[in-house]
N, C-alpha and C. Protein backbone atom coordinates (compact mmCIF):
# COMPACT_ATOMS: atom_id res chain seq x y z
N LEU A 1 -12.04 -1.49 29.93
CA LEU A 1 -12.47 -2.71 29.24
C LEU A 1 -13.43 -3.55 30.07
N GLY A 2 -13.14 -3.65 31.38
CA GLY A 2 -13.92 -4.48 32.24
C GLY A 2 -15.33 -3.89 32.43
N GLN A 3 -15.49 -2.57 32.40
CA GLN A 3 -16.79 -1.93 32.71
C GLN A 3 -17.53 -1.68 31.45
N SER A 4 -17.00 -1.89 30.29
CA SER A 4 -17.69 -1.51 29.02
C SER A 4 -18.46 -2.67 28.55
N GLU A 5 -19.61 -2.36 27.94
CA GLU A 5 -20.44 -3.37 27.29
C GLU A 5 -20.15 -3.46 25.81
N CYS A 6 -19.26 -2.52 25.34
CA CYS A 6 -18.89 -2.51 23.92
C CYS A 6 -18.14 -3.76 23.54
N HIS A 7 -18.24 -4.07 22.31
CA HIS A 7 -17.42 -5.18 21.80
C HIS A 7 -15.96 -4.97 22.11
N GLY A 8 -15.23 -5.97 22.65
CA GLY A 8 -13.89 -5.84 23.06
C GLY A 8 -12.98 -5.36 21.94
N LEU A 9 -13.13 -5.78 20.72
CA LEU A 9 -12.30 -5.42 19.67
C LEU A 9 -12.44 -3.90 19.34
N THR A 10 -13.64 -3.41 19.50
CA THR A 10 -13.85 -1.96 19.23
C THR A 10 -13.09 -1.11 20.24
N ILE A 11 -13.11 -1.47 21.47
CA ILE A 11 -12.36 -0.72 22.50
C ILE A 11 -10.81 -0.85 22.16
N HIS A 12 -10.39 -2.01 21.80
CA HIS A 12 -8.95 -2.18 21.45
C HIS A 12 -8.56 -1.36 20.21
N ASN A 13 -9.49 -1.31 19.22
CA ASN A 13 -9.20 -0.53 18.05
C ASN A 13 -9.03 0.96 18.40
N ILE A 14 -9.86 1.43 19.28
CA ILE A 14 -9.77 2.85 19.74
C ILE A 14 -8.43 3.01 20.50
N MET A 15 -8.09 2.03 21.30
CA MET A 15 -6.81 2.17 22.05
C MET A 15 -5.63 2.15 21.06
N ILE A 16 -5.63 1.28 20.08
CA ILE A 16 -4.58 1.26 19.06
C ILE A 16 -4.48 2.56 18.33
N PHE A 17 -5.68 3.14 17.92
CA PHE A 17 -5.70 4.40 17.25
C PHE A 17 -4.98 5.50 18.03
N TYR A 18 -5.37 5.58 19.29
CA TYR A 18 -4.79 6.68 20.16
C TYR A 18 -3.34 6.41 20.51
N LEU A 19 -2.97 5.12 20.65
CA LEU A 19 -1.58 4.87 20.91
C LEU A 19 -0.68 5.27 19.74
N PHE A 20 -1.13 5.03 18.56
CA PHE A 20 -0.39 5.50 17.40
C PHE A 20 -0.35 7.02 17.30
N GLN A 21 -1.44 7.66 17.81
CA GLN A 21 -1.40 9.14 17.77
C GLN A 21 -0.29 9.71 18.66
N THR A 22 0.04 8.96 19.69
CA THR A 22 1.13 9.40 20.57
C THR A 22 2.47 8.83 20.19
N GLY A 23 2.48 8.05 19.14
CA GLY A 23 3.73 7.46 18.61
C GLY A 23 4.20 6.31 19.38
N ASN A 24 3.35 5.67 20.15
CA ASN A 24 3.76 4.56 21.03
C ASN A 24 3.53 3.18 20.40
N ALA A 25 4.34 2.85 19.43
CA ALA A 25 4.20 1.64 18.66
C ALA A 25 4.49 0.40 19.59
N LEU A 26 5.35 0.54 20.57
CA LEU A 26 5.61 -0.60 21.46
C LEU A 26 4.44 -1.07 22.27
N LEU A 27 3.64 -0.10 22.74
CA LEU A 27 2.38 -0.49 23.40
C LEU A 27 1.36 -1.11 22.47
N VAL A 28 1.41 -0.61 21.20
CA VAL A 28 0.52 -1.22 20.20
C VAL A 28 0.80 -2.72 20.09
N ASN A 29 2.08 -3.04 19.99
CA ASN A 29 2.43 -4.45 19.89
C ASN A 29 1.94 -5.22 21.12
N LYS A 30 1.97 -4.65 22.25
CA LYS A 30 1.46 -5.35 23.49
C LYS A 30 -0.05 -5.53 23.34
N VAL A 31 -0.75 -4.53 22.82
CA VAL A 31 -2.26 -4.65 22.72
C VAL A 31 -2.56 -5.77 21.65
N VAL A 32 -1.79 -5.79 20.57
CA VAL A 32 -2.00 -6.88 19.55
C VAL A 32 -1.71 -8.28 20.20
N ASP A 33 -0.62 -8.33 20.91
CA ASP A 33 -0.28 -9.62 21.61
C ASP A 33 -1.42 -10.02 22.57
N HIS A 34 -1.96 -9.07 23.27
CA HIS A 34 -3.07 -9.31 24.20
C HIS A 34 -4.28 -9.88 23.40
N LEU A 35 -4.61 -9.20 22.28
CA LEU A 35 -5.71 -9.63 21.48
C LEU A 35 -5.56 -11.08 21.03
N GLN A 36 -4.36 -11.40 20.63
CA GLN A 36 -4.10 -12.77 20.22
C GLN A 36 -4.15 -13.79 21.31
N GLU A 37 -3.73 -13.41 22.48
CA GLU A 37 -3.81 -14.26 23.63
C GLU A 37 -5.33 -14.52 24.04
N GLU A 38 -6.10 -13.43 23.91
CA GLU A 38 -7.53 -13.56 24.16
C GLU A 38 -8.32 -14.23 23.07
N LYS A 39 -7.62 -14.56 21.99
CA LYS A 39 -8.19 -15.14 20.80
C LYS A 39 -9.29 -14.32 20.16
N LEU A 40 -9.07 -12.96 20.25
CA LEU A 40 -9.99 -12.10 19.52
C LEU A 40 -9.47 -11.87 18.11
N PRO A 41 -10.14 -12.32 17.09
CA PRO A 41 -9.62 -12.13 15.73
C PRO A 41 -9.63 -10.67 15.32
N LEU A 42 -8.55 -10.23 14.73
CA LEU A 42 -8.48 -8.89 14.27
C LEU A 42 -9.37 -8.71 13.04
N ASP A 43 -9.93 -7.57 12.93
CA ASP A 43 -10.80 -7.30 11.74
C ASP A 43 -10.18 -6.31 10.84
N GLU A 44 -10.87 -6.00 9.81
CA GLU A 44 -10.34 -5.08 8.71
C GLU A 44 -10.01 -3.75 9.24
N VAL A 45 -10.77 -3.25 10.21
CA VAL A 45 -10.52 -1.95 10.83
C VAL A 45 -9.26 -2.00 11.61
N THR A 46 -9.02 -3.02 12.40
CA THR A 46 -7.83 -3.18 13.18
C THR A 46 -6.60 -3.23 12.25
N TYR A 47 -6.66 -4.04 11.26
CA TYR A 47 -5.50 -4.14 10.33
C TYR A 47 -5.22 -2.78 9.66
N ASN A 48 -6.25 -2.11 9.26
CA ASN A 48 -6.01 -0.73 8.63
C ASN A 48 -5.38 0.16 9.62
N PHE A 49 -5.83 0.17 10.91
CA PHE A 49 -5.11 1.01 11.88
C PHE A 49 -3.68 0.64 12.07
N LEU A 50 -3.42 -0.67 12.08
CA LEU A 50 -2.08 -1.12 12.28
C LEU A 50 -1.16 -0.76 11.13
N VAL A 51 -1.61 -1.02 9.92
CA VAL A 51 -0.78 -0.70 8.71
C VAL A 51 -0.52 0.79 8.68
N TYR A 52 -1.53 1.61 8.85
CA TYR A 52 -1.33 3.09 8.79
C TYR A 52 -0.49 3.56 9.94
N GLY A 53 -0.74 3.10 11.14
CA GLY A 53 -0.03 3.52 12.30
C GLY A 53 1.52 3.15 12.27
N PHE A 54 1.78 1.93 11.88
CA PHE A 54 3.23 1.58 11.76
C PHE A 54 3.86 2.31 10.64
N SER A 55 3.16 2.53 9.55
CA SER A 55 3.75 3.38 8.47
C SER A 55 4.05 4.82 8.92
N ARG A 56 3.15 5.38 9.71
CA ARG A 56 3.43 6.70 10.23
C ARG A 56 4.55 6.79 11.20
N CYS A 57 4.75 5.64 11.94
CA CYS A 57 5.85 5.55 12.87
C CYS A 57 7.18 5.13 12.23
N LYS A 58 7.13 5.05 10.90
CA LYS A 58 8.28 4.67 10.09
C LYS A 58 8.78 3.19 10.28
N ASP A 59 7.83 2.36 10.77
CA ASP A 59 8.15 0.96 10.90
C ASP A 59 7.54 0.20 9.77
N VAL A 60 8.23 0.39 8.60
CA VAL A 60 7.70 -0.11 7.32
C VAL A 60 7.62 -1.64 7.36
N SER A 61 8.51 -2.29 8.00
CA SER A 61 8.49 -3.75 8.12
C SER A 61 7.23 -4.26 8.74
N SER A 62 6.92 -3.66 9.88
CA SER A 62 5.63 -4.12 10.59
C SER A 62 4.43 -3.73 9.75
N ALA A 63 4.39 -2.61 9.08
CA ALA A 63 3.30 -2.19 8.24
C ALA A 63 3.04 -3.20 7.10
N VAL A 64 4.21 -3.58 6.49
CA VAL A 64 4.12 -4.54 5.42
C VAL A 64 3.64 -5.92 5.95
N ASP A 65 4.14 -6.31 7.06
CA ASP A 65 3.71 -7.62 7.67
C ASP A 65 2.18 -7.61 7.87
N HIS A 66 1.71 -6.54 8.46
CA HIS A 66 0.24 -6.51 8.80
C HIS A 66 -0.60 -6.36 7.51
N LEU A 67 -0.03 -5.64 6.50
CA LEU A 67 -0.70 -5.54 5.26
C LEU A 67 -0.82 -6.90 4.53
N CYS A 68 0.30 -7.61 4.52
CA CYS A 68 0.32 -8.99 3.90
C CYS A 68 -0.64 -9.84 4.63
N THR A 69 -0.69 -9.87 5.99
CA THR A 69 -1.62 -10.70 6.69
C THR A 69 -3.03 -10.29 6.41
N MET A 70 -3.29 -8.98 6.35
CA MET A 70 -4.66 -8.49 6.04
C MET A 70 -5.09 -9.04 4.66
N ILE A 71 -4.22 -8.95 3.68
CA ILE A 71 -4.59 -9.41 2.33
C ILE A 71 -4.80 -10.91 2.29
N SER A 72 -3.90 -11.59 3.06
CA SER A 72 -4.07 -13.08 3.12
C SER A 72 -5.37 -13.53 3.75
N LYS A 73 -5.91 -12.70 4.56
CA LYS A 73 -7.21 -12.96 5.22
C LYS A 73 -8.45 -12.47 4.35
N ASP A 74 -8.14 -11.97 3.12
CA ASP A 74 -9.14 -11.45 2.19
C ASP A 74 -9.80 -10.21 2.68
N PHE A 75 -9.10 -9.46 3.53
CA PHE A 75 -9.56 -8.10 3.87
C PHE A 75 -8.98 -7.14 2.88
N ARG A 76 -9.71 -6.16 2.49
CA ARG A 76 -9.24 -5.11 1.55
C ARG A 76 -8.71 -3.91 2.31
N PRO A 77 -7.38 -3.62 2.19
CA PRO A 77 -6.82 -2.47 2.76
C PRO A 77 -7.38 -1.20 2.17
N SER A 78 -7.29 -0.13 2.92
CA SER A 78 -7.73 1.16 2.41
C SER A 78 -6.73 1.58 1.33
N ASN A 79 -7.22 2.34 0.39
CA ASN A 79 -6.34 2.88 -0.68
C ASN A 79 -5.22 3.69 -0.05
N ARG A 80 -5.49 4.45 0.95
CA ARG A 80 -4.48 5.24 1.69
C ARG A 80 -3.36 4.34 2.24
N ASN A 81 -3.72 3.22 2.79
CA ASN A 81 -2.71 2.24 3.27
C ASN A 81 -1.89 1.64 2.17
N LEU A 82 -2.58 1.28 1.05
CA LEU A 82 -1.83 0.71 -0.05
C LEU A 82 -0.80 1.75 -0.57
N ARG A 83 -1.27 2.96 -0.69
CA ARG A 83 -0.39 4.05 -1.16
C ARG A 83 0.85 4.22 -0.24
N ILE A 84 0.55 4.37 1.01
CA ILE A 84 1.59 4.70 1.97
C ILE A 84 2.63 3.56 2.06
N VAL A 85 2.20 2.29 2.05
CA VAL A 85 3.11 1.17 2.15
C VAL A 85 3.94 1.08 0.88
N ILE A 86 3.31 1.18 -0.29
CA ILE A 86 4.03 1.01 -1.54
C ILE A 86 5.03 2.10 -1.73
N THR A 87 4.60 3.33 -1.46
CA THR A 87 5.53 4.51 -1.65
C THR A 87 6.65 4.44 -0.61
N SER A 88 6.34 3.94 0.60
CA SER A 88 7.43 3.80 1.56
C SER A 88 8.46 2.72 1.14
N LEU A 89 7.94 1.64 0.63
CA LEU A 89 8.86 0.58 0.17
C LEU A 89 9.72 1.11 -1.03
N CYS A 90 9.09 1.77 -1.93
CA CYS A 90 9.85 2.41 -3.08
C CYS A 90 10.88 3.36 -2.58
N GLY A 91 10.49 4.14 -1.57
CA GLY A 91 11.32 5.18 -0.99
C GLY A 91 12.58 4.58 -0.28
N ILE A 92 12.50 3.41 0.22
CA ILE A 92 13.63 2.83 0.89
C ILE A 92 14.39 1.78 0.05
N GLY A 93 13.97 1.76 -1.25
CA GLY A 93 14.69 0.86 -2.18
C GLY A 93 14.20 -0.56 -2.16
N GLU A 94 13.12 -0.85 -1.55
CA GLU A 94 12.52 -2.24 -1.53
C GLU A 94 11.53 -2.38 -2.71
N LEU A 95 11.96 -2.11 -3.89
CA LEU A 95 11.11 -2.12 -5.09
C LEU A 95 10.51 -3.48 -5.33
N GLU A 96 11.30 -4.55 -5.12
CA GLU A 96 10.80 -5.93 -5.31
C GLU A 96 9.57 -6.18 -4.46
N LYS A 97 9.57 -5.79 -3.23
CA LYS A 97 8.46 -6.00 -2.30
C LYS A 97 7.26 -5.16 -2.75
N ALA A 98 7.52 -3.94 -3.24
CA ALA A 98 6.45 -3.08 -3.72
C ALA A 98 5.80 -3.68 -4.95
N VAL A 99 6.61 -4.20 -5.85
CA VAL A 99 6.07 -4.80 -7.04
C VAL A 99 5.29 -6.01 -6.69
N GLY A 100 5.78 -6.83 -5.74
CA GLY A 100 5.09 -7.98 -5.23
C GLY A 100 3.69 -7.65 -4.69
N LEU A 101 3.62 -6.53 -3.97
CA LEU A 101 2.29 -6.14 -3.42
C LEU A 101 1.42 -5.71 -4.60
N CYS A 102 1.95 -5.04 -5.59
CA CYS A 102 1.15 -4.67 -6.73
C CYS A 102 0.60 -5.87 -7.48
N ARG A 103 1.47 -6.93 -7.55
CA ARG A 103 0.95 -8.16 -8.23
C ARG A 103 -0.22 -8.74 -7.44
N GLU A 104 -0.16 -8.69 -6.12
CA GLU A 104 -1.29 -9.16 -5.27
C GLU A 104 -2.49 -8.33 -5.60
N MET A 105 -2.37 -7.01 -5.75
CA MET A 105 -3.46 -6.14 -6.06
C MET A 105 -4.00 -6.48 -7.41
N GLU A 106 -3.13 -6.75 -8.38
CA GLU A 106 -3.56 -7.14 -9.76
C GLU A 106 -4.37 -8.41 -9.68
N LEU A 107 -3.88 -9.44 -8.99
CA LEU A 107 -4.59 -10.68 -8.85
C LEU A 107 -6.05 -10.49 -8.30
N ARG A 108 -6.23 -9.53 -7.54
CA ARG A 108 -7.52 -9.24 -6.91
C ARG A 108 -8.36 -8.25 -7.66
N GLY A 109 -7.75 -7.65 -8.73
CA GLY A 109 -8.47 -6.69 -9.60
C GLY A 109 -8.58 -5.38 -8.93
N TRP A 110 -7.71 -4.96 -8.00
CA TRP A 110 -7.80 -3.66 -7.28
C TRP A 110 -7.11 -2.63 -8.16
N VAL A 111 -7.81 -1.53 -8.32
CA VAL A 111 -7.28 -0.42 -9.17
C VAL A 111 -6.08 0.19 -8.46
N HIS A 112 -5.08 0.48 -9.26
CA HIS A 112 -3.86 1.10 -8.80
C HIS A 112 -3.95 2.56 -9.06
N ASP A 113 -4.00 3.42 -8.00
CA ASP A 113 -4.11 4.85 -8.25
C ASP A 113 -2.83 5.48 -8.80
N SER A 114 -2.91 6.78 -9.13
CA SER A 114 -1.79 7.43 -9.69
C SER A 114 -0.51 7.37 -8.82
N ILE A 115 -0.63 7.55 -7.58
CA ILE A 115 0.48 7.55 -6.69
C ILE A 115 1.19 6.23 -6.71
N ILE A 116 0.46 5.15 -6.65
CA ILE A 116 1.04 3.80 -6.69
C ILE A 116 1.74 3.53 -7.96
N GLN A 117 1.04 3.80 -9.07
CA GLN A 117 1.62 3.57 -10.42
C GLN A 117 2.86 4.36 -10.62
N ASN A 118 2.73 5.64 -10.24
CA ASN A 118 3.96 6.50 -10.42
C ASN A 118 5.13 6.06 -9.62
N ALA A 119 4.92 5.65 -8.36
CA ALA A 119 5.97 5.21 -7.47
C ALA A 119 6.64 3.94 -8.06
N ILE A 120 5.87 2.99 -8.52
CA ILE A 120 6.44 1.75 -9.05
C ILE A 120 7.20 2.05 -10.38
N VAL A 121 6.60 2.79 -11.22
CA VAL A 121 7.30 3.07 -12.50
C VAL A 121 8.49 3.91 -12.30
N GLU A 122 8.42 4.89 -11.50
CA GLU A 122 9.59 5.77 -11.20
C GLU A 122 10.74 4.91 -10.68
N GLY A 123 10.42 4.01 -9.70
CA GLY A 123 11.35 3.10 -9.13
C GLY A 123 12.00 2.24 -10.19
N LEU A 124 11.18 1.63 -11.07
CA LEU A 124 11.75 0.81 -12.08
C LEU A 124 12.61 1.59 -13.10
N LEU A 125 12.17 2.83 -13.45
CA LEU A 125 13.02 3.63 -14.35
C LEU A 125 14.30 4.05 -13.73
N SER A 126 14.25 4.34 -12.44
CA SER A 126 15.53 4.75 -11.73
C SER A 126 16.51 3.66 -11.67
N GLN A 127 16.04 2.40 -11.80
CA GLN A 127 16.95 1.23 -11.85
C GLN A 127 17.26 0.81 -13.24
N GLY A 128 16.82 1.62 -14.21
CA GLY A 128 17.11 1.29 -15.61
C GLY A 128 16.29 0.16 -16.16
N LYS A 129 15.20 -0.16 -15.55
CA LYS A 129 14.37 -1.30 -15.99
C LYS A 129 13.16 -0.73 -16.83
N LEU A 130 13.57 -0.22 -18.06
CA LEU A 130 12.56 0.42 -18.98
C LEU A 130 11.48 -0.59 -19.38
N GLU A 131 11.88 -1.73 -19.85
CA GLU A 131 10.94 -2.71 -20.39
C GLU A 131 9.97 -3.15 -19.29
N GLU A 132 10.50 -3.34 -18.09
CA GLU A 132 9.68 -3.74 -16.96
C GLU A 132 8.64 -2.66 -16.59
N ALA A 133 9.11 -1.38 -16.66
CA ALA A 133 8.20 -0.29 -16.35
C ALA A 133 7.11 -0.19 -17.43
N GLU A 134 7.53 -0.35 -18.64
CA GLU A 134 6.49 -0.32 -19.76
C GLU A 134 5.55 -1.46 -19.58
N GLY A 135 6.06 -2.67 -19.30
CA GLY A 135 5.20 -3.82 -19.09
C GLY A 135 4.22 -3.66 -17.96
N PHE A 136 4.70 -3.04 -16.88
CA PHE A 136 3.76 -2.77 -15.72
C PHE A 136 2.62 -1.87 -16.19
N LEU A 137 2.94 -0.81 -16.85
CA LEU A 137 1.92 0.09 -17.32
C LEU A 137 0.94 -0.55 -18.32
N ASP A 138 1.51 -1.38 -19.21
CA ASP A 138 0.66 -2.10 -20.17
C ASP A 138 -0.32 -3.01 -19.46
N ARG A 139 0.16 -3.73 -18.37
CA ARG A 139 -0.72 -4.63 -17.62
C ARG A 139 -1.83 -3.83 -16.95
N MET A 140 -1.55 -2.67 -16.44
CA MET A 140 -2.53 -1.84 -15.76
C MET A 140 -3.68 -1.50 -16.74
N VAL A 141 -3.27 -1.20 -17.96
CA VAL A 141 -4.26 -0.86 -19.05
C VAL A 141 -5.06 -2.10 -19.45
N GLU A 142 -4.33 -3.21 -19.69
CA GLU A 142 -4.97 -4.48 -20.14
C GLU A 142 -5.99 -4.95 -19.13
N LYS A 143 -5.66 -4.83 -17.84
CA LYS A 143 -6.51 -5.36 -16.82
C LYS A 143 -7.55 -4.30 -16.29
N CYS A 144 -7.58 -3.21 -16.93
CA CYS A 144 -8.49 -2.08 -16.59
C CYS A 144 -8.30 -1.62 -15.07
N LEU A 145 -7.02 -1.54 -14.70
CA LEU A 145 -6.68 -1.18 -13.30
C LEU A 145 -6.25 0.30 -13.22
N VAL A 146 -6.59 1.07 -14.23
CA VAL A 146 -6.26 2.52 -14.27
C VAL A 146 -7.46 3.28 -13.86
N PRO A 147 -7.36 4.10 -12.84
CA PRO A 147 -8.53 4.91 -12.41
C PRO A 147 -8.86 6.01 -13.43
N GLU A 148 -10.00 6.54 -13.34
CA GLU A 148 -10.47 7.59 -14.29
C GLU A 148 -9.64 8.81 -14.26
N ASN A 149 -9.15 9.20 -13.14
CA ASN A 149 -8.45 10.46 -13.00
C ASN A 149 -6.97 10.25 -12.73
N ILE A 150 -6.31 9.54 -13.67
CA ILE A 150 -4.87 9.21 -13.58
C ILE A 150 -4.00 10.37 -14.00
N ASN A 151 -2.87 10.49 -13.34
CA ASN A 151 -1.95 11.56 -13.65
C ASN A 151 -0.55 10.98 -13.98
N TYR A 152 -0.26 11.00 -15.27
CA TYR A 152 1.02 10.47 -15.74
C TYR A 152 2.03 11.54 -16.13
N ASP A 153 1.85 12.83 -15.75
CA ASP A 153 2.74 13.90 -16.16
C ASP A 153 4.20 13.55 -16.02
N ASN A 154 4.57 13.15 -14.84
CA ASN A 154 6.01 12.91 -14.58
C ASN A 154 6.52 11.75 -15.42
N LEU A 155 5.63 10.72 -15.51
CA LEU A 155 6.07 9.52 -16.29
C LEU A 155 6.24 9.84 -17.78
N ILE A 156 5.30 10.71 -18.25
CA ILE A 156 5.44 11.07 -19.68
C ILE A 156 6.76 11.81 -19.89
N LYS A 157 7.11 12.68 -18.99
CA LYS A 157 8.42 13.40 -19.13
C LYS A 157 9.58 12.45 -19.03
N ARG A 158 9.49 11.49 -18.13
CA ARG A 158 10.58 10.53 -17.92
C ARG A 158 10.72 9.63 -19.19
N PHE A 159 9.66 9.13 -19.74
CA PHE A 159 9.78 8.35 -20.93
C PHE A 159 10.30 9.18 -22.13
N CYS A 160 9.88 10.37 -22.23
CA CYS A 160 10.44 11.25 -23.26
C CYS A 160 11.97 11.39 -23.08
N SER A 161 12.45 11.57 -21.81
CA SER A 161 13.87 11.67 -21.61
C SER A 161 14.62 10.43 -21.87
N TYR A 162 13.97 9.28 -21.90
CA TYR A 162 14.60 7.99 -22.25
C TYR A 162 14.45 7.72 -23.73
N GLY A 163 13.82 8.64 -24.46
CA GLY A 163 13.61 8.41 -25.89
C GLY A 163 12.53 7.44 -26.23
N ARG A 164 11.69 7.15 -25.26
CA ARG A 164 10.51 6.26 -25.46
C ARG A 164 9.26 7.07 -25.77
N LEU A 165 9.26 7.74 -26.92
CA LEU A 165 8.25 8.64 -27.27
C LEU A 165 6.89 7.91 -27.52
N SER A 166 6.96 6.74 -28.07
CA SER A 166 5.71 6.02 -28.31
C SER A 166 4.99 5.68 -26.96
N LYS A 167 5.79 5.34 -25.98
CA LYS A 167 5.19 5.05 -24.63
C LYS A 167 4.63 6.34 -24.04
N ALA A 168 5.39 7.45 -24.15
CA ALA A 168 4.93 8.76 -23.71
C ALA A 168 3.54 9.12 -24.35
N VAL A 169 3.45 8.87 -25.60
CA VAL A 169 2.20 9.19 -26.34
C VAL A 169 1.09 8.24 -25.89
N ASP A 170 1.42 6.97 -25.63
CA ASP A 170 0.42 6.02 -25.16
C ASP A 170 -0.13 6.53 -23.79
N LEU A 171 0.76 6.99 -22.94
CA LEU A 171 0.31 7.49 -21.57
C LEU A 171 -0.53 8.74 -21.77
N LEU A 172 -0.10 9.56 -22.65
CA LEU A 172 -0.91 10.85 -22.89
C LEU A 172 -2.26 10.45 -23.42
N ASN A 173 -2.39 9.43 -24.22
CA ASN A 173 -3.75 9.06 -24.77
C ASN A 173 -4.55 8.46 -23.61
N ILE A 174 -3.98 7.76 -22.64
CA ILE A 174 -4.69 7.23 -21.51
C ILE A 174 -5.25 8.36 -20.64
N VAL A 175 -4.50 9.38 -20.40
CA VAL A 175 -4.91 10.52 -19.60
C VAL A 175 -6.07 11.22 -20.31
């Protein structure tokens, strides 16, 4: 760092990236603390590295914290990071947090890809919240937050198994 003429944050981003490659999340926290002590503001790239790295290290709490901070600073997380955090939250039963993040995405007009939509709706259906699952999907359509290449195959089957044939047909028409 002392000998480099590169921007300090760039070097730190590279360091964070490689520390996560080795699975050393503790040192990443020290690097982030150092950046804050030096008053170097984290940028979109740094936050994306932090969210993805903590997710890969199974530290969902830290990943969510950095994602929320990133969003609050009006940085757009990568789609990969949104997918990994929301599916991780759904996987550990933190559906309310996942739905909260989706609401933040909705407010900003960010498209919800198939993986995100499926994870949220599957989570809601597994908790017996059929109306909430249908409402979520309806909002995605109303707000044009459905990508062109959406895959609702599993959701169509699930809604059929719950006897919600009209919703299954609606999803089939969207596809």
